[in-house]
Amino acid sequence: MDDNSRSQRTNTILRRSLRTCISGFVALVALTIPYFSDFMTLLGSLGASMLIFVFPVIFDFRLYGFSNRSSKDIGQGILILCMGALCAVIGGMEAITALWKDFHGQ
């Protein structure tokens, strides 16, 4: 058995151990934090809106600038940013309302 195969086997064991520990930690957090599902709904709503709508437009504007764009392209980008912000606000408000109801027993 050479060092390369031993190293690969050791790396595989370490990766699997790390994944198991991370999964166990996440499960422990989910079991101990009250109303974890509503909290994850809040994070998911904000994160998904940012990843799907806001970040691609911001990155595109940052990478390629405004100088070679038509006003139509800039307007569409701003419209997408506004829609993404609106989705984040609506989803965030729904999740915060659910958390509020959970904490105040309504």
PDB file of N, CA and C in Angstrom:
ATOM      1  N   MET A   1       0.845  -1.175   0.000  1.00  0.00           N
ATOM      2  CA  MET A   1       0.000   0.000   0.000  1.00  0.00           C
ATOM      3  C   MET A   1       0.893   1.242   0.000  1.00  0.00           C
ATOM      4  N   ASP A   2       0.708   2.120  -0.952  1.00  0.00           N
ATOM      5  CA  ASP A   2       1.564   3.293  -1.041  1.00  0.00           C
ATOM      6  C   ASP A   2       0.951   4.464  -0.267  1.00  0.00           C
ATOM      7  N   ASP A   3       1.739   5.532  -0.156  1.00  0.00           N
ATOM      8  CA  ASP A   3       1.305   6.695   0.614  1.00  0.00           C
ATOM      9  C   ASP A   3       0.119   7.400  -0.017  1.00  0.00           C
ATOM     10  N   ASN A   4       0.025   7.340  -1.340  1.00  0.00           N
ATOM     11  CA  ASN A   4      -1.056   8.035  -2.029  1.00  0.00           C
ATOM     12  C   ASN A   4      -2.416   7.432  -1.681  1.00  0.00           C
ATOM     13  N   SER A   5      -2.528   6.112  -1.698  1.00  0.00           N
ATOM     14  CA  SER A   5      -3.807   5.483  -1.376  1.00  0.00           C
ATOM     15  C   SER A   5      -4.150   5.659   0.099  1.00  0.00           C
ATOM     16  N   ARG A   6      -3.144   5.615   0.959  1.00  0.00           N
ATOM     17  CA  ARG A   6      -3.382   5.851   2.384  1.00  0.00           C
ATOM     18  C   ARG A   6      -3.848   7.285   2.607  1.00  0.00           C
ATOM     19  N   SER A   7      -3.259   8.214   1.901  1.00  0.00           N
ATOM     20  CA  SER A   7      -3.635   9.610   2.017  1.00  0.00           C
ATOM     21  C   SER A   7      -5.065   9.828   1.523  1.00  0.00           C
ATOM     22  N   GLN A   8      -5.417   9.181   0.433  1.00  0.00           N
ATOM     23  CA  GLN A   8      -6.780   9.308  -0.076  1.00  0.00           C
ATOM     24  C   GLN A   8      -7.781   8.716   0.898  1.00  0.00           C
ATOM     25  N   ARG A   9      -7.453   7.580   1.482  1.00  0.00           N
ATOM     26  CA  ARG A   9      -8.351   6.949   2.442  1.00  0.00           C
ATOM     27  C   ARG A   9      -8.498   7.828   3.683  1.00  0.00           C
ATOM     28  N   THR A  10      -7.408   8.406   4.146  1.00  0.00           N
ATOM     29  CA  THR A  10      -7.452   9.301   5.302  1.00  0.00           C
ATOM     30  C   THR A  10      -8.294  10.529   4.990  1.00  0.00           C
ATOM     31  N   ASN A  11      -8.117  11.104   3.812  1.00  0.00           N
ATOM     32  CA  ASN A  11      -8.912  12.261   3.417  1.00  0.00           C
ATOM     33  C   ASN A  11     -10.394  11.918   3.339  1.00  0.00           C
ATOM     34  N   THR A  12     -10.714  10.748   2.811  1.00  0.00           N
ATOM     35  CA  THR A  12     -12.110  10.331   2.725  1.00  0.00           C
ATOM     36  C   THR A  12     -12.724  10.194   4.113  1.00  0.00           C
ATOM     37  N   ILE A  13     -11.984   9.594   5.029  1.00  0.00           N
ATOM     38  CA  ILE A  13     -12.480   9.441   6.400  1.00  0.00           C
ATOM     39  C   ILE A  13     -12.670  10.799   7.062  1.00  0.00           C
ATOM     40  N   LEU A  14     -11.717  11.693   6.867  1.00  0.00           N
ATOM     41  CA  LEU A  14     -11.835  13.033   7.448  1.00  0.00           C
ATOM     42  C   LEU A  14     -13.022  13.795   6.869  1.00  0.00           C
ATOM     43  N   ARG A  15     -13.223  13.706   5.555  1.00  0.00           N
ATOM     44  CA  ARG A  15     -14.354  14.394   4.933  1.00  0.00           C
ATOM     45  C   ARG A  15     -15.678  13.856   5.453  1.00  0.00           C
ATOM     46  N   ARG A  16     -15.792  12.549   5.542  1.00  0.00           N
ATOM     47  CA  ARG A  16     -17.033  11.947   6.043  1.00  0.00           C
ATOM     48  C   ARG A  16     -17.272  12.318   7.506  1.00  0.00           C
ATOM     49  N   SER A  17     -16.220  12.345   8.295  1.00  0.00           N
ATOM     50  CA  SER A  17     -16.354  12.731   9.704  1.00  0.00           C
ATOM     51  C   SER A  17     -16.811  14.182   9.827  1.00  0.00           C
ATOM     52  N   LEU A  18     -16.223  15.050   9.033  1.00  0.00           N
ATOM     53  CA  LEU A  18     -16.600  16.452   9.065  1.00  0.00           C
ATOM     54  C   LEU A  18     -18.053  16.636   8.646  1.00  0.00           C
ATOM     55  N   ARG A  19     -18.472  15.971   7.594  1.00  0.00           N
ATOM     56  CA  ARG A  19     -19.866  16.056   7.149  1.00  0.00           C
ATOM     57  C   ARG A  19     -20.820  15.554   8.221  1.00  0.00           C
ATOM     58  N   THR A  20     -20.464  14.457   8.878  1.00  0.00           N
ATOM     59  CA  THR A  20     -21.304  13.917   9.947  1.00  0.00           C
ATOM     60  C   THR A  20     -21.404  14.898  11.108  1.00  0.00           C
ATOM     61  N   CYS A  21     -20.286  15.504  11.484  1.00  0.00           N
ATOM     62  CA  CYS A  21     -20.301  16.489  12.574  1.00  0.00           C
ATOM     63  C   CYS A  21     -21.142  17.706  12.220  1.00  0.00           C
ATOM     64  N   ILE A  22     -21.011  18.195  11.009  1.00  0.00           N
ATOM     65  CA  ILE A  22     -21.801  19.359  10.587  1.00  0.00           C
ATOM     66  C   ILE A  22     -23.288  19.013  10.580  1.00  0.00           C
ATOM     67  N   SER A  23     -23.642  17.849  10.054  1.00  0.00           N
ATOM     68  CA  SER A  23     -25.053  17.435  10.045  1.00  0.00           C
ATOM     69  C   SER A  23     -25.590  17.288  11.460  1.00  0.00           C
ATOM     70  N   GLY A  24     -24.793  16.712  12.341  1.00  0.00           N
ATOM     71  CA  GLY A  24     -25.211  16.591  13.736  1.00  0.00           C
ATOM     72  C   GLY A  24     -25.395  17.933  14.403  1.00  0.00           C
ATOM     73  N   PHE A  25     -24.489  18.873  14.115  1.00  0.00           N
ATOM     74  CA  PHE A  25     -24.606  20.216  14.684  1.00  0.00           C
ATOM     75  C   PHE A  25     -25.870  20.908  14.190  1.00  0.00           C
ATOM     76  N   VAL A  26     -26.158  20.802  12.908  1.00  0.00           N
ATOM     77  CA  VAL A  26     -27.365  21.424  12.358  1.00  0.00           C
ATOM     78  C   VAL A  26     -28.615  20.796  12.970  1.00  0.00           C
ATOM     79  N   ALA A  27     -28.606  19.475  13.122  1.00  0.00           N
ATOM     80  CA  ALA A  27     -29.749  18.800  13.753  1.00  0.00           C
ATOM     81  C   ALA A  27     -29.908  19.243  15.203  1.00  0.00           C
ATOM     82  N   LEU A  28     -28.812  19.392  15.929  1.00  0.00           N
ATOM     83  CA  LEU A  28     -28.865  19.847  17.309  1.00  0.00           C
ATOM     84  C   LEU A  28     -29.429  21.267  17.396  1.00  0.00           C
ATOM     85  N   VAL A  29     -28.990  22.143  16.504  1.00  0.00           N
ATOM     86  CA  VAL A  29     -29.504  23.507  16.481  1.00  0.00           C
ATOM     87  C   VAL A  29     -30.998  23.507  16.169  1.00  0.00           C
ATOM     88  N   ALA A  30     -31.410  22.691  15.201  1.00  0.00           N
ATOM     89  CA  ALA A  30     -32.822  22.633  14.823  1.00  0.00           C
ATOM     90  C   ALA A  30     -33.685  22.110  15.970  1.00  0.00           C
ATOM     91  N   LEU A  31     -33.154  21.210  16.771  1.00  0.00           N
ATOM     92  CA  LEU A  31     -33.923  20.658  17.883  1.00  0.00           C
ATOM     93  C   LEU A  31     -33.962  21.577  19.095  1.00  0.00           C
ATOM     94  N   THR A  32     -32.927  22.383  19.294  1.00  0.00           N
ATOM     95  CA  THR A  32     -32.859  23.203  20.502  1.00  0.00           C
ATOM     96  C   THR A  32     -33.427  24.605  20.329  1.00  0.00           C
ATOM     97  N   ILE A  33     -33.393  25.148  19.137  1.00  0.00           N
ATOM     98  CA  ILE A  33     -33.904  26.511  18.930  1.00  0.00           C
ATOM     99  C   ILE A  33     -35.408  26.444  18.674  1.00  0.00           C
ATOM    100  N   PRO A  34     -36.180  27.159  19.483  1.00  0.00           N
ATOM    101  CA  PRO A  34     -37.621  27.149  19.251  1.00  0.00           C
ATOM    102  C   PRO A  34     -37.963  27.923  17.971  1.00  0.00           C
ATOM    103  N   TYR A  35     -38.967  27.439  17.275  1.00  0.00           N
ATOM    104  CA  TYR A  35     -39.474  28.091  16.059  1.00  0.00           C
ATOM    105  C   TYR A  35     -38.400  28.182  14.981  1.00  0.00           C
ATOM    106  N   PHE A  36     -37.600  27.132  14.885  1.00  0.00           N
ATOM    107  CA  PHE A  36     -36.509  27.089  13.919  1.00  0.00           C
ATOM    108  C   PHE A  36     -37.029  27.166  12.488  1.00  0.00           C
ATOM    109  N   SER A  37     -38.176  26.553  12.223  1.00  0.00           N
ATOM    110  CA  SER A  37     -38.709  26.549  10.857  1.00  0.00           C
ATOM    111  C   SER A  37     -39.082  27.956  10.403  1.00  0.00           C
ATOM    112  N   ASP A  38     -39.668  28.745  11.302  1.00  0.00           N
ATOM    113  CA  ASP A  38     -40.012  30.121  10.928  1.00  0.00           C
ATOM    114  C   ASP A  38     -38.761  30.972  10.731  1.00  0.00           C
ATOM    115  N   PHE A  39     -37.743  30.730  11.526  1.00  0.00           N
ATOM    116  CA  PHE A  39     -36.482  31.448  11.358  1.00  0.00           C
ATOM    117  C   PHE A  39     -35.831  31.095  10.026  1.00  0.00           C
ATOM    118  N   MET A  40     -35.872  29.819   9.669  1.00  0.00           N
ATOM    119  CA  MET A  40     -35.320  29.401   8.381  1.00  0.00           C
ATOM    120  C   MET A  40     -36.141  29.943   7.221  1.00  0.00           C
ATOM    121  N   THR A  41     -37.441  30.111   7.417  1.00  0.00           N
ATOM    122  CA  THR A  41     -38.277  30.732   6.392  1.00  0.00           C
ATOM    123  C   THR A  41     -37.829  32.169   6.143  1.00  0.00           C
ATOM    124  N   LEU A  42     -37.518  32.882   7.212  1.00  0.00           N
ATOM    125  CA  LEU A  42     -37.022  34.253   7.079  1.00  0.00           C
ATOM    126  C   LEU A  42     -35.703  34.286   6.314  1.00  0.00           C
ATOM    127  N   LEU A  43     -34.766  33.438   6.709  1.00  0.00           N
ATOM    128  CA  LEU A  43     -33.473  33.401   6.014  1.00  0.00           C
ATOM    129  C   LEU A  43     -33.627  32.965   4.564  1.00  0.00           C
ATOM    130  N   GLY A  44     -34.473  31.988   4.323  1.00  0.00           N
ATOM    131  CA  GLY A  44     -34.693  31.509   2.957  1.00  0.00           C
ATOM    132  C   GLY A  44     -35.324  32.565   2.077  1.00  0.00           C
ATOM    133  N   SER A  45     -36.276  33.277   2.608  1.00  0.00           N
ATOM    134  CA  SER A  45     -36.937  34.325   1.836  1.00  0.00           C
ATOM    135  C   SER A  45     -35.956  35.423   1.433  1.00  0.00           C
ATOM    136  N   LEU A  46     -35.199  35.876   2.396  1.00  0.00           N
ATOM    137  CA  LEU A  46     -34.234  36.942   2.096  1.00  0.00           C
ATOM    138  C   LEU A  46     -33.111  36.440   1.197  1.00  0.00           C
ATOM    139  N   GLY A  47     -32.609  35.261   1.492  1.00  0.00           N
ATOM    140  CA  GLY A  47     -31.510  34.715   0.703  1.00  0.00           C
ATOM    141  C   GLY A  47     -31.895  34.404  -0.731  1.00  0.00           C
ATOM    142  N   ALA A  48     -33.054  33.798  -0.916  1.00  0.00           N
ATOM    143  CA  ALA A  48     -33.491  33.446  -2.272  1.00  0.00           C
ATOM    144  C   ALA A  48     -33.753  34.691  -3.108  1.00  0.00           C
ATOM    145  N   SER A  49     -34.377  35.682  -2.520  1.00  0.00           N
ATOM    146  CA  SER A  49     -34.640  36.916  -3.269  1.00  0.00           C
ATOM    147  C   SER A  49     -33.347  37.595  -3.695  1.00  0.00           C
ATOM    148  N   MET A  50     -32.392  37.602  -2.788  1.00  0.00           N
ATOM    149  CA  MET A  50     -31.109  38.223  -3.124  1.00  0.00           C
ATOM    150  C   MET A  50     -30.362  37.426  -4.195  1.00  0.00           C
ATOM    151  N   LEU A  51     -30.335  36.105  -4.048  1.00  0.00           N
ATOM    152  CA  LEU A  51     -29.581  35.281  -4.996  1.00  0.00           C
ATOM    153  C   LEU A  51     -30.215  35.235  -6.377  1.00  0.00           C
ATOM    154  N   ILE A  52     -31.531  35.277  -6.448  1.00  0.00           N
ATOM    155  CA  ILE A  52     -32.208  35.134  -7.733  1.00  0.00           C
ATOM    156  C   ILE A  52     -32.359  36.469  -8.452  1.00  0.00           C
ATOM    157  N   PHE A  53     -32.691  37.519  -7.729  1.00  0.00           N
ATOM    158  CA  PHE A  53     -32.989  38.798  -8.375  1.00  0.00           C
ATOM    159  C   PHE A  53     -31.887  39.840  -8.235  1.00  0.00           C
ATOM    160  N   VAL A  54     -31.453  40.085  -7.015  1.00  0.00           N
ATOM    161  CA  VAL A  54     -30.640  41.265  -6.744  1.00  0.00           C
ATOM    162  C   VAL A  54     -29.170  41.067  -7.125  1.00  0.00           C
ATOM    163  N   PHE A  55     -28.539  40.016  -6.619  1.00  0.00           N
ATOM    164  CA  PHE A  55     -27.104  39.840  -6.853  1.00  0.00           C
ATOM    165  C   PHE A  55     -26.716  39.721  -8.319  1.00  0.00           C
ATOM    166  N   PRO A  56     -27.446  38.973  -9.153  1.00  0.00           N
ATOM    167  CA  PRO A  56     -27.025  38.906 -10.563  1.00  0.00           C
ATOM    168  C   PRO A  56     -27.015  40.272 -11.257  1.00  0.00           C
ATOM    169  N   VAL A  57     -28.001  41.084 -10.965  1.00  0.00           N
ATOM    170  CA  VAL A  57     -28.053  42.413 -11.595  1.00  0.00           C
ATOM    171  C   VAL A  57     -26.925  43.295 -11.068  1.00  0.00           C
ATOM    172  N   ILE A  58     -26.714  43.264  -9.775  1.00  0.00           N
ATOM    173  CA  ILE A  58     -25.648  44.082  -9.197  1.00  0.00           C
ATOM    174  C   ILE A  58     -24.285  43.650  -9.735  1.00  0.00           C
ATOM    175  N   PHE A  59     -24.060  42.332  -9.804  1.00  0.00           N
ATOM    176  CA  PHE A  59     -22.780  41.844 -10.315  1.00  0.00           C
ATOM    177  C   PHE A  59     -22.597  42.197 -11.784  1.00  0.00           C
ATOM    178  N   ASP A  60     -23.657  42.100 -12.565  1.00  0.00           N
ATOM    179  CA  ASP A  60     -23.577  42.451 -13.977  1.00  0.00           C
ATOM    180  C   ASP A  60     -23.259  43.926 -14.159  1.00  0.00           C
ATOM    181  N   PHE A  61     -23.945  44.776 -13.403  1.00  0.00           N
ATOM    182  CA  PHE A  61     -23.660  46.214 -13.483  1.00  0.00           C
ATOM    183  C   PHE A  61     -22.233  46.506 -13.031  1.00  0.00           C
ATOM    184  N   ARG A  62     -21.792  45.803 -12.006  1.00  0.00           N
ATOM    185  CA  ARG A  62     -20.439  46.050 -11.489  1.00  0.00           C
ATOM    186  C   ARG A  62     -19.369  45.573 -12.475  1.00  0.00           C
ATOM    187  N   LEU A  63     -19.600  44.423 -13.109  1.00  0.00           N
ATOM    188  CA  LEU A  63     -18.600  43.880 -14.028  1.00  0.00           C
ATOM    189  C   LEU A  63     -18.522  44.648 -15.337  1.00  0.00           C
ATOM    190  N   TYR A  64     -19.671  44.996 -15.891  1.00  0.00           N
ATOM    191  CA  TYR A  64     -19.687  45.580 -17.235  1.00  0.00           C
ATOM    192  C   TYR A  64     -20.000  47.062 -17.261  1.00  0.00           C
ATOM    193  N   GLY A  65     -20.377  47.629 -16.151  1.00  0.00           N
ATOM    194  CA  GLY A  65     -20.600  49.062 -16.070  1.00  0.00           C
ATOM    195  C   GLY A  65     -21.862  49.527 -16.786  1.00  0.00           C
ATOM    196  N   PHE A  66     -22.005  50.839 -16.870  1.00  0.00           N
ATOM    197  CA  PHE A  66     -23.182  51.437 -17.480  1.00  0.00           C
ATOM    198  C   PHE A  66     -22.887  52.089 -18.825  1.00  0.00           C
ATOM    199  N   SER A  67     -21.632  52.240 -19.155  1.00  0.00           N
ATOM    200  CA  SER A  67     -21.276  53.045 -20.319  1.00  0.00           C
ATOM    201  C   SER A  67     -21.713  52.417 -21.649  1.00  0.00           C
ATOM    202  N   ASN A  68     -21.686  51.104 -21.774  1.00  0.00           N
ATOM    203  CA  ASN A  68     -22.050  50.465 -23.033  1.00  0.00           C
ATOM    204  C   ASN A  68     -23.468  49.900 -23.028  1.00  0.00           C
ATOM    205  N   ARG A  69     -24.315  50.424 -22.199  1.00  0.00           N
ATOM    206  CA  ARG A  69     -25.674  49.907 -22.062  1.00  0.00           C
ATOM    207  C   ARG A  69     -26.679  50.944 -22.548  1.00  0.00           C
ATOM    208  N   SER A  70     -27.761  50.419 -23.063  1.00  0.00           N
ATOM    209  CA  SER A  70     -28.850  51.319 -23.430  1.00  0.00           C
ATOM    210  C   SER A  70     -29.656  51.640 -22.178  1.00  0.00           C
ATOM    211  N   SER A  71     -30.430  52.684 -22.282  1.00  0.00           N
ATOM    212  CA  SER A  71     -31.267  53.047 -21.136  1.00  0.00           C
ATOM    213  C   SER A  71     -32.319  51.966 -20.864  1.00  0.00           C
ATOM    214  N   LYS A  72     -32.707  51.231 -21.913  1.00  0.00           N
ATOM    215  CA  LYS A  72     -33.653  50.132 -21.738  1.00  0.00           C
ATOM    216  C   LYS A  72     -33.048  49.042 -20.860  1.00  0.00           C
ATOM    217  N   ASP A  73     -31.792  48.674 -21.094  1.00  0.00           N
ATOM    218  CA  ASP A  73     -31.122  47.656 -20.281  1.00  0.00           C
ATOM    219  C   ASP A  73     -30.974  48.102 -18.829  1.00  0.00           C
ATOM    220  N   ILE A  74     -30.625  49.341 -18.635  1.00  0.00           N
ATOM    221  CA  ILE A  74     -30.484  49.871 -17.274  1.00  0.00           C
ATOM    222  C   ILE A  74     -31.839  49.882 -16.578  1.00  0.00           C
ATOM    223  N   GLY A  75     -32.870  50.291 -17.302  1.00  0.00           N
ATOM    224  CA  GLY A  75     -34.219  50.303 -16.728  1.00  0.00           C
ATOM    225  C   GLY A  75     -34.697  48.915 -16.356  1.00  0.00           C
ATOM    226  N   GLN A  76     -34.416  47.934 -17.205  1.00  0.00           N
ATOM    227  CA  GLN A  76     -34.806  46.566 -16.883  1.00  0.00           C
ATOM    228  C   GLN A  76     -34.062  46.059 -15.653  1.00  0.00           C
ATOM    229  N   GLY A  77     -32.801  46.393 -15.550  1.00  0.00           N
ATOM    230  CA  GLY A  77     -32.033  45.993 -14.367  1.00  0.00           C
ATOM    231  C   GLY A  77     -32.594  46.607 -13.098  1.00  0.00           C
ATOM    232  N   ILE A  78     -32.942  47.882 -13.175  1.00  0.00           N
ATOM    233  CA  ILE A  78     -33.514  48.554 -12.007  1.00  0.00           C
ATOM    234  C   ILE A  78     -34.874  47.957 -11.663  1.00  0.00           C
ATOM    235  N   LEU A  79     -35.669  47.605 -12.669  1.00  0.00           N
ATOM    236  CA  LEU A  79     -36.964  46.967 -12.433  1.00  0.00           C
ATOM    237  C   LEU A  79     -36.782  45.611 -11.742  1.00  0.00           C
ATOM    238  N   ILE A  80     -35.812  44.834 -12.186  1.00  0.00           N
ATOM    239  CA  ILE A  80     -35.541  43.538 -11.555  1.00  0.00           C
ATOM    240  C   ILE A  80     -35.082  43.743 -10.116  1.00  0.00           C
ATOM    241  N   LEU A  81     -34.244  44.739  -9.865  1.00  0.00           N
ATOM    242  CA  LEU A  81     -33.820  45.035  -8.501  1.00  0.00           C
ATOM    243  C   LEU A  81     -35.010  45.397  -7.616  1.00  0.00           C
ATOM    244  N   CYS A  82     -35.905  46.195  -8.135  1.00  0.00           N
ATOM    245  CA  CYS A  82     -37.100  46.580  -7.369  1.00  0.00           C
ATOM    246  C   CYS A  82     -37.989  45.373  -7.089  1.00  0.00           C
ATOM    247  N   MET A  83     -38.170  44.503  -8.080  1.00  0.00           N
ATOM    248  CA  MET A  83     -38.971  43.300  -7.870  1.00  0.00           C
ATOM    249  C   MET A  83     -38.329  42.394  -6.823  1.00  0.00           C
ATOM    250  N   GLY A  84     -37.036  42.243  -6.878  1.00  0.00           N
ATOM    251  CA  GLY A  84     -36.335  41.428  -5.891  1.00  0.00           C
ATOM    252  C   GLY A  84     -36.454  41.992  -4.492  1.00  0.00           C
ATOM    253  N   ALA A  85     -36.324  43.307  -4.383  1.00  0.00           N
ATOM    254  CA  ALA A  85     -36.475  43.945  -3.075  1.00  0.00           C
ATOM    255  C   ALA A  85     -37.904  43.778  -2.559  1.00  0.00           C
ATOM    256  N   LEU A  86     -38.880  43.894  -3.437  1.00  0.00           N
ATOM    257  CA  LEU A  86     -40.277  43.710  -3.042  1.00  0.00           C
ATOM    258  C   LEU A  86     -40.522  42.278  -2.571  1.00  0.00           C
ATOM    259  N   CYS A  87     -39.987  41.300  -3.287  1.00  0.00           N
ATOM    260  CA  CYS A  87     -40.129  39.890  -2.877  1.00  0.00           C
ATOM    261  C   CYS A  87     -39.474  39.654  -1.522  1.00  0.00           C
ATOM    262  N   ALA A  88     -38.306  40.230  -1.309  1.00  0.00           N
ATOM    263  CA  ALA A  88     -37.614  40.066  -0.029  1.00  0.00           C
ATOM    264  C   ALA A  88     -38.411  40.701   1.103  1.00  0.00           C
ATOM    265  N   VAL A  89     -38.978  41.857   0.857  1.00  0.00           N
ATOM    266  CA  VAL A  89     -39.756  42.545   1.886  1.00  0.00           C
ATOM    267  C   VAL A  89     -41.018  41.761   2.220  1.00  0.00           C
ATOM    268  N   ILE A  90     -41.739  41.305   1.203  1.00  0.00           N
ATOM    269  CA  ILE A  90     -42.979  40.560   1.449  1.00  0.00           C
ATOM    270  C   ILE A  90     -42.685  39.249   2.164  1.00  0.00           C
ATOM    271  N   GLY A  91     -41.707  38.492   1.684  1.00  0.00           N
ATOM    272  CA  GLY A  91     -41.350  37.237   2.345  1.00  0.00           C
ATOM    273  C   GLY A  91     -40.833  37.452   3.750  1.00  0.00           C
ATOM    274  N   GLY A  92     -40.030  38.472   3.933  1.00  0.00           N
ATOM    275  CA  GLY A  92     -39.516  38.787   5.265  1.00  0.00           C
ATOM    276  C   GLY A  92     -40.617  39.185   6.227  1.00  0.00           C
ATOM    277  N   MET A  93     -41.564  39.972   5.750  1.00  0.00           N
ATOM    278  CA  MET A  93     -42.683  40.381   6.608  1.00  0.00           C
ATOM    279  C   MET A  93     -43.531  39.179   7.012  1.00  0.00           C
ATOM    280  N   GLU A  94     -43.776  38.272   6.071  1.00  0.00           N
ATOM    281  CA  GLU A  94     -44.552  37.067   6.393  1.00  0.00           C
ATOM    282  C   GLU A  94     -43.845  36.234   7.448  1.00  0.00           C
ATOM    283  N   ALA A  95     -42.542  36.053   7.291  1.00  0.00           N
ATOM    284  CA  ALA A  95     -41.784  35.247   8.248  1.00  0.00           C
ATOM    285  C   ALA A  95     -41.696  35.934   9.609  1.00  0.00           C
ATOM    286  N   ILE A  96     -41.498  37.229   9.610  1.00  0.00           N
ATOM    287  CA  ILE A  96     -41.435  37.967  10.877  1.00  0.00           C
ATOM    288  C   ILE A  96     -42.786  37.929  11.576  1.00  0.00           C
ATOM    289  N   THR A  97     -43.864  38.023  10.820  1.00  0.00           N
ATOM    290  CA  THR A  97     -45.201  37.910  11.401  1.00  0.00           C
ATOM    291  C   THR A  97     -45.404  36.542  12.035  1.00  0.00           C
ATOM    292  N   ALA A  98     -44.957  35.492  11.362  1.00  0.00           N
ATOM    293  CA  ALA A  98     -45.074  34.138  11.917  1.00  0.00           C
ATOM    294  C   ALA A  98     -44.234  34.004  13.189  1.00  0.00           C
ATOM    295  N   LEU A  99     -43.034  34.550  13.188  1.00  0.00           N
ATOM    296  CA  LEU A  99     -42.200  34.512  14.388  1.00  0.00           C
ATOM    297  C   LEU A  99     -42.838  35.295  15.532  1.00  0.00           C
ATOM    298  N   TRP A 100     -43.394  36.438  15.212  1.00  0.00           N
ATOM    299  CA  TRP A 100     -44.063  37.267  16.222  1.00  0.00           C
ATOM    300  C   TRP A 100     -45.213  36.500  16.858  1.00  0.00           C
ATOM    301  N   LYS A 101     -46.010  35.850  16.020  1.00  0.00           N
ATOM    302  CA  LYS A 101     -47.130  35.058  16.544  1.00  0.00           C
ATOM    303  C   LYS A 101     -46.644  33.900  17.395  1.00  0.00           C
ATOM    304  N   ASP A 102     -45.539  33.266  16.987  1.00  0.00           N
ATOM    305  CA  ASP A 102     -44.995  32.171  17.778  1.00  0.00           C
ATOM    306  C   ASP A 102     -44.527  32.632  19.150  1.00  0.00           C
ATOM    307  N   PHE A 103     -43.823  33.736  19.198  1.00  0.00           N
ATOM    308  CA  PHE A 103     -43.273  34.212  20.466  1.00  0.00           C
ATOM    309  C   PHE A 103     -44.336  34.776  21.392  1.00  0.00           C
ATOM    310  N   HIS A 104     -45.395  35.309  20.821  1.00  0.00           N
ATOM    311  CA  HIS A 104     -46.441  35.912  21.656  1.00  0.00           C
ATOM    312  C   HIS A 104     -47.664  35.025  21.800  1.00  0.00           C
ATOM    313  N   GLY A 105     -47.602  33.797  21.302  1.00  0.00           N
ATOM    314  CA  GLY A 105     -48.654  32.821  21.512  1.00  0.00           C
ATOM    315  C   GLY A 105     -49.985  33.160  20.894  1.00  0.00           C
ATOM    316  N   GLN A 106     -49.983  33.778  19.753  1.00  0.00           N
ATOM    317  CA  GLN A 106     -51.245  34.136  19.083  1.00  0.00           C
ATOM    318  C   GLN A 106     -51.605  33.124  18.058  1.00  0.00           C
TER     319      GLN A 106
END
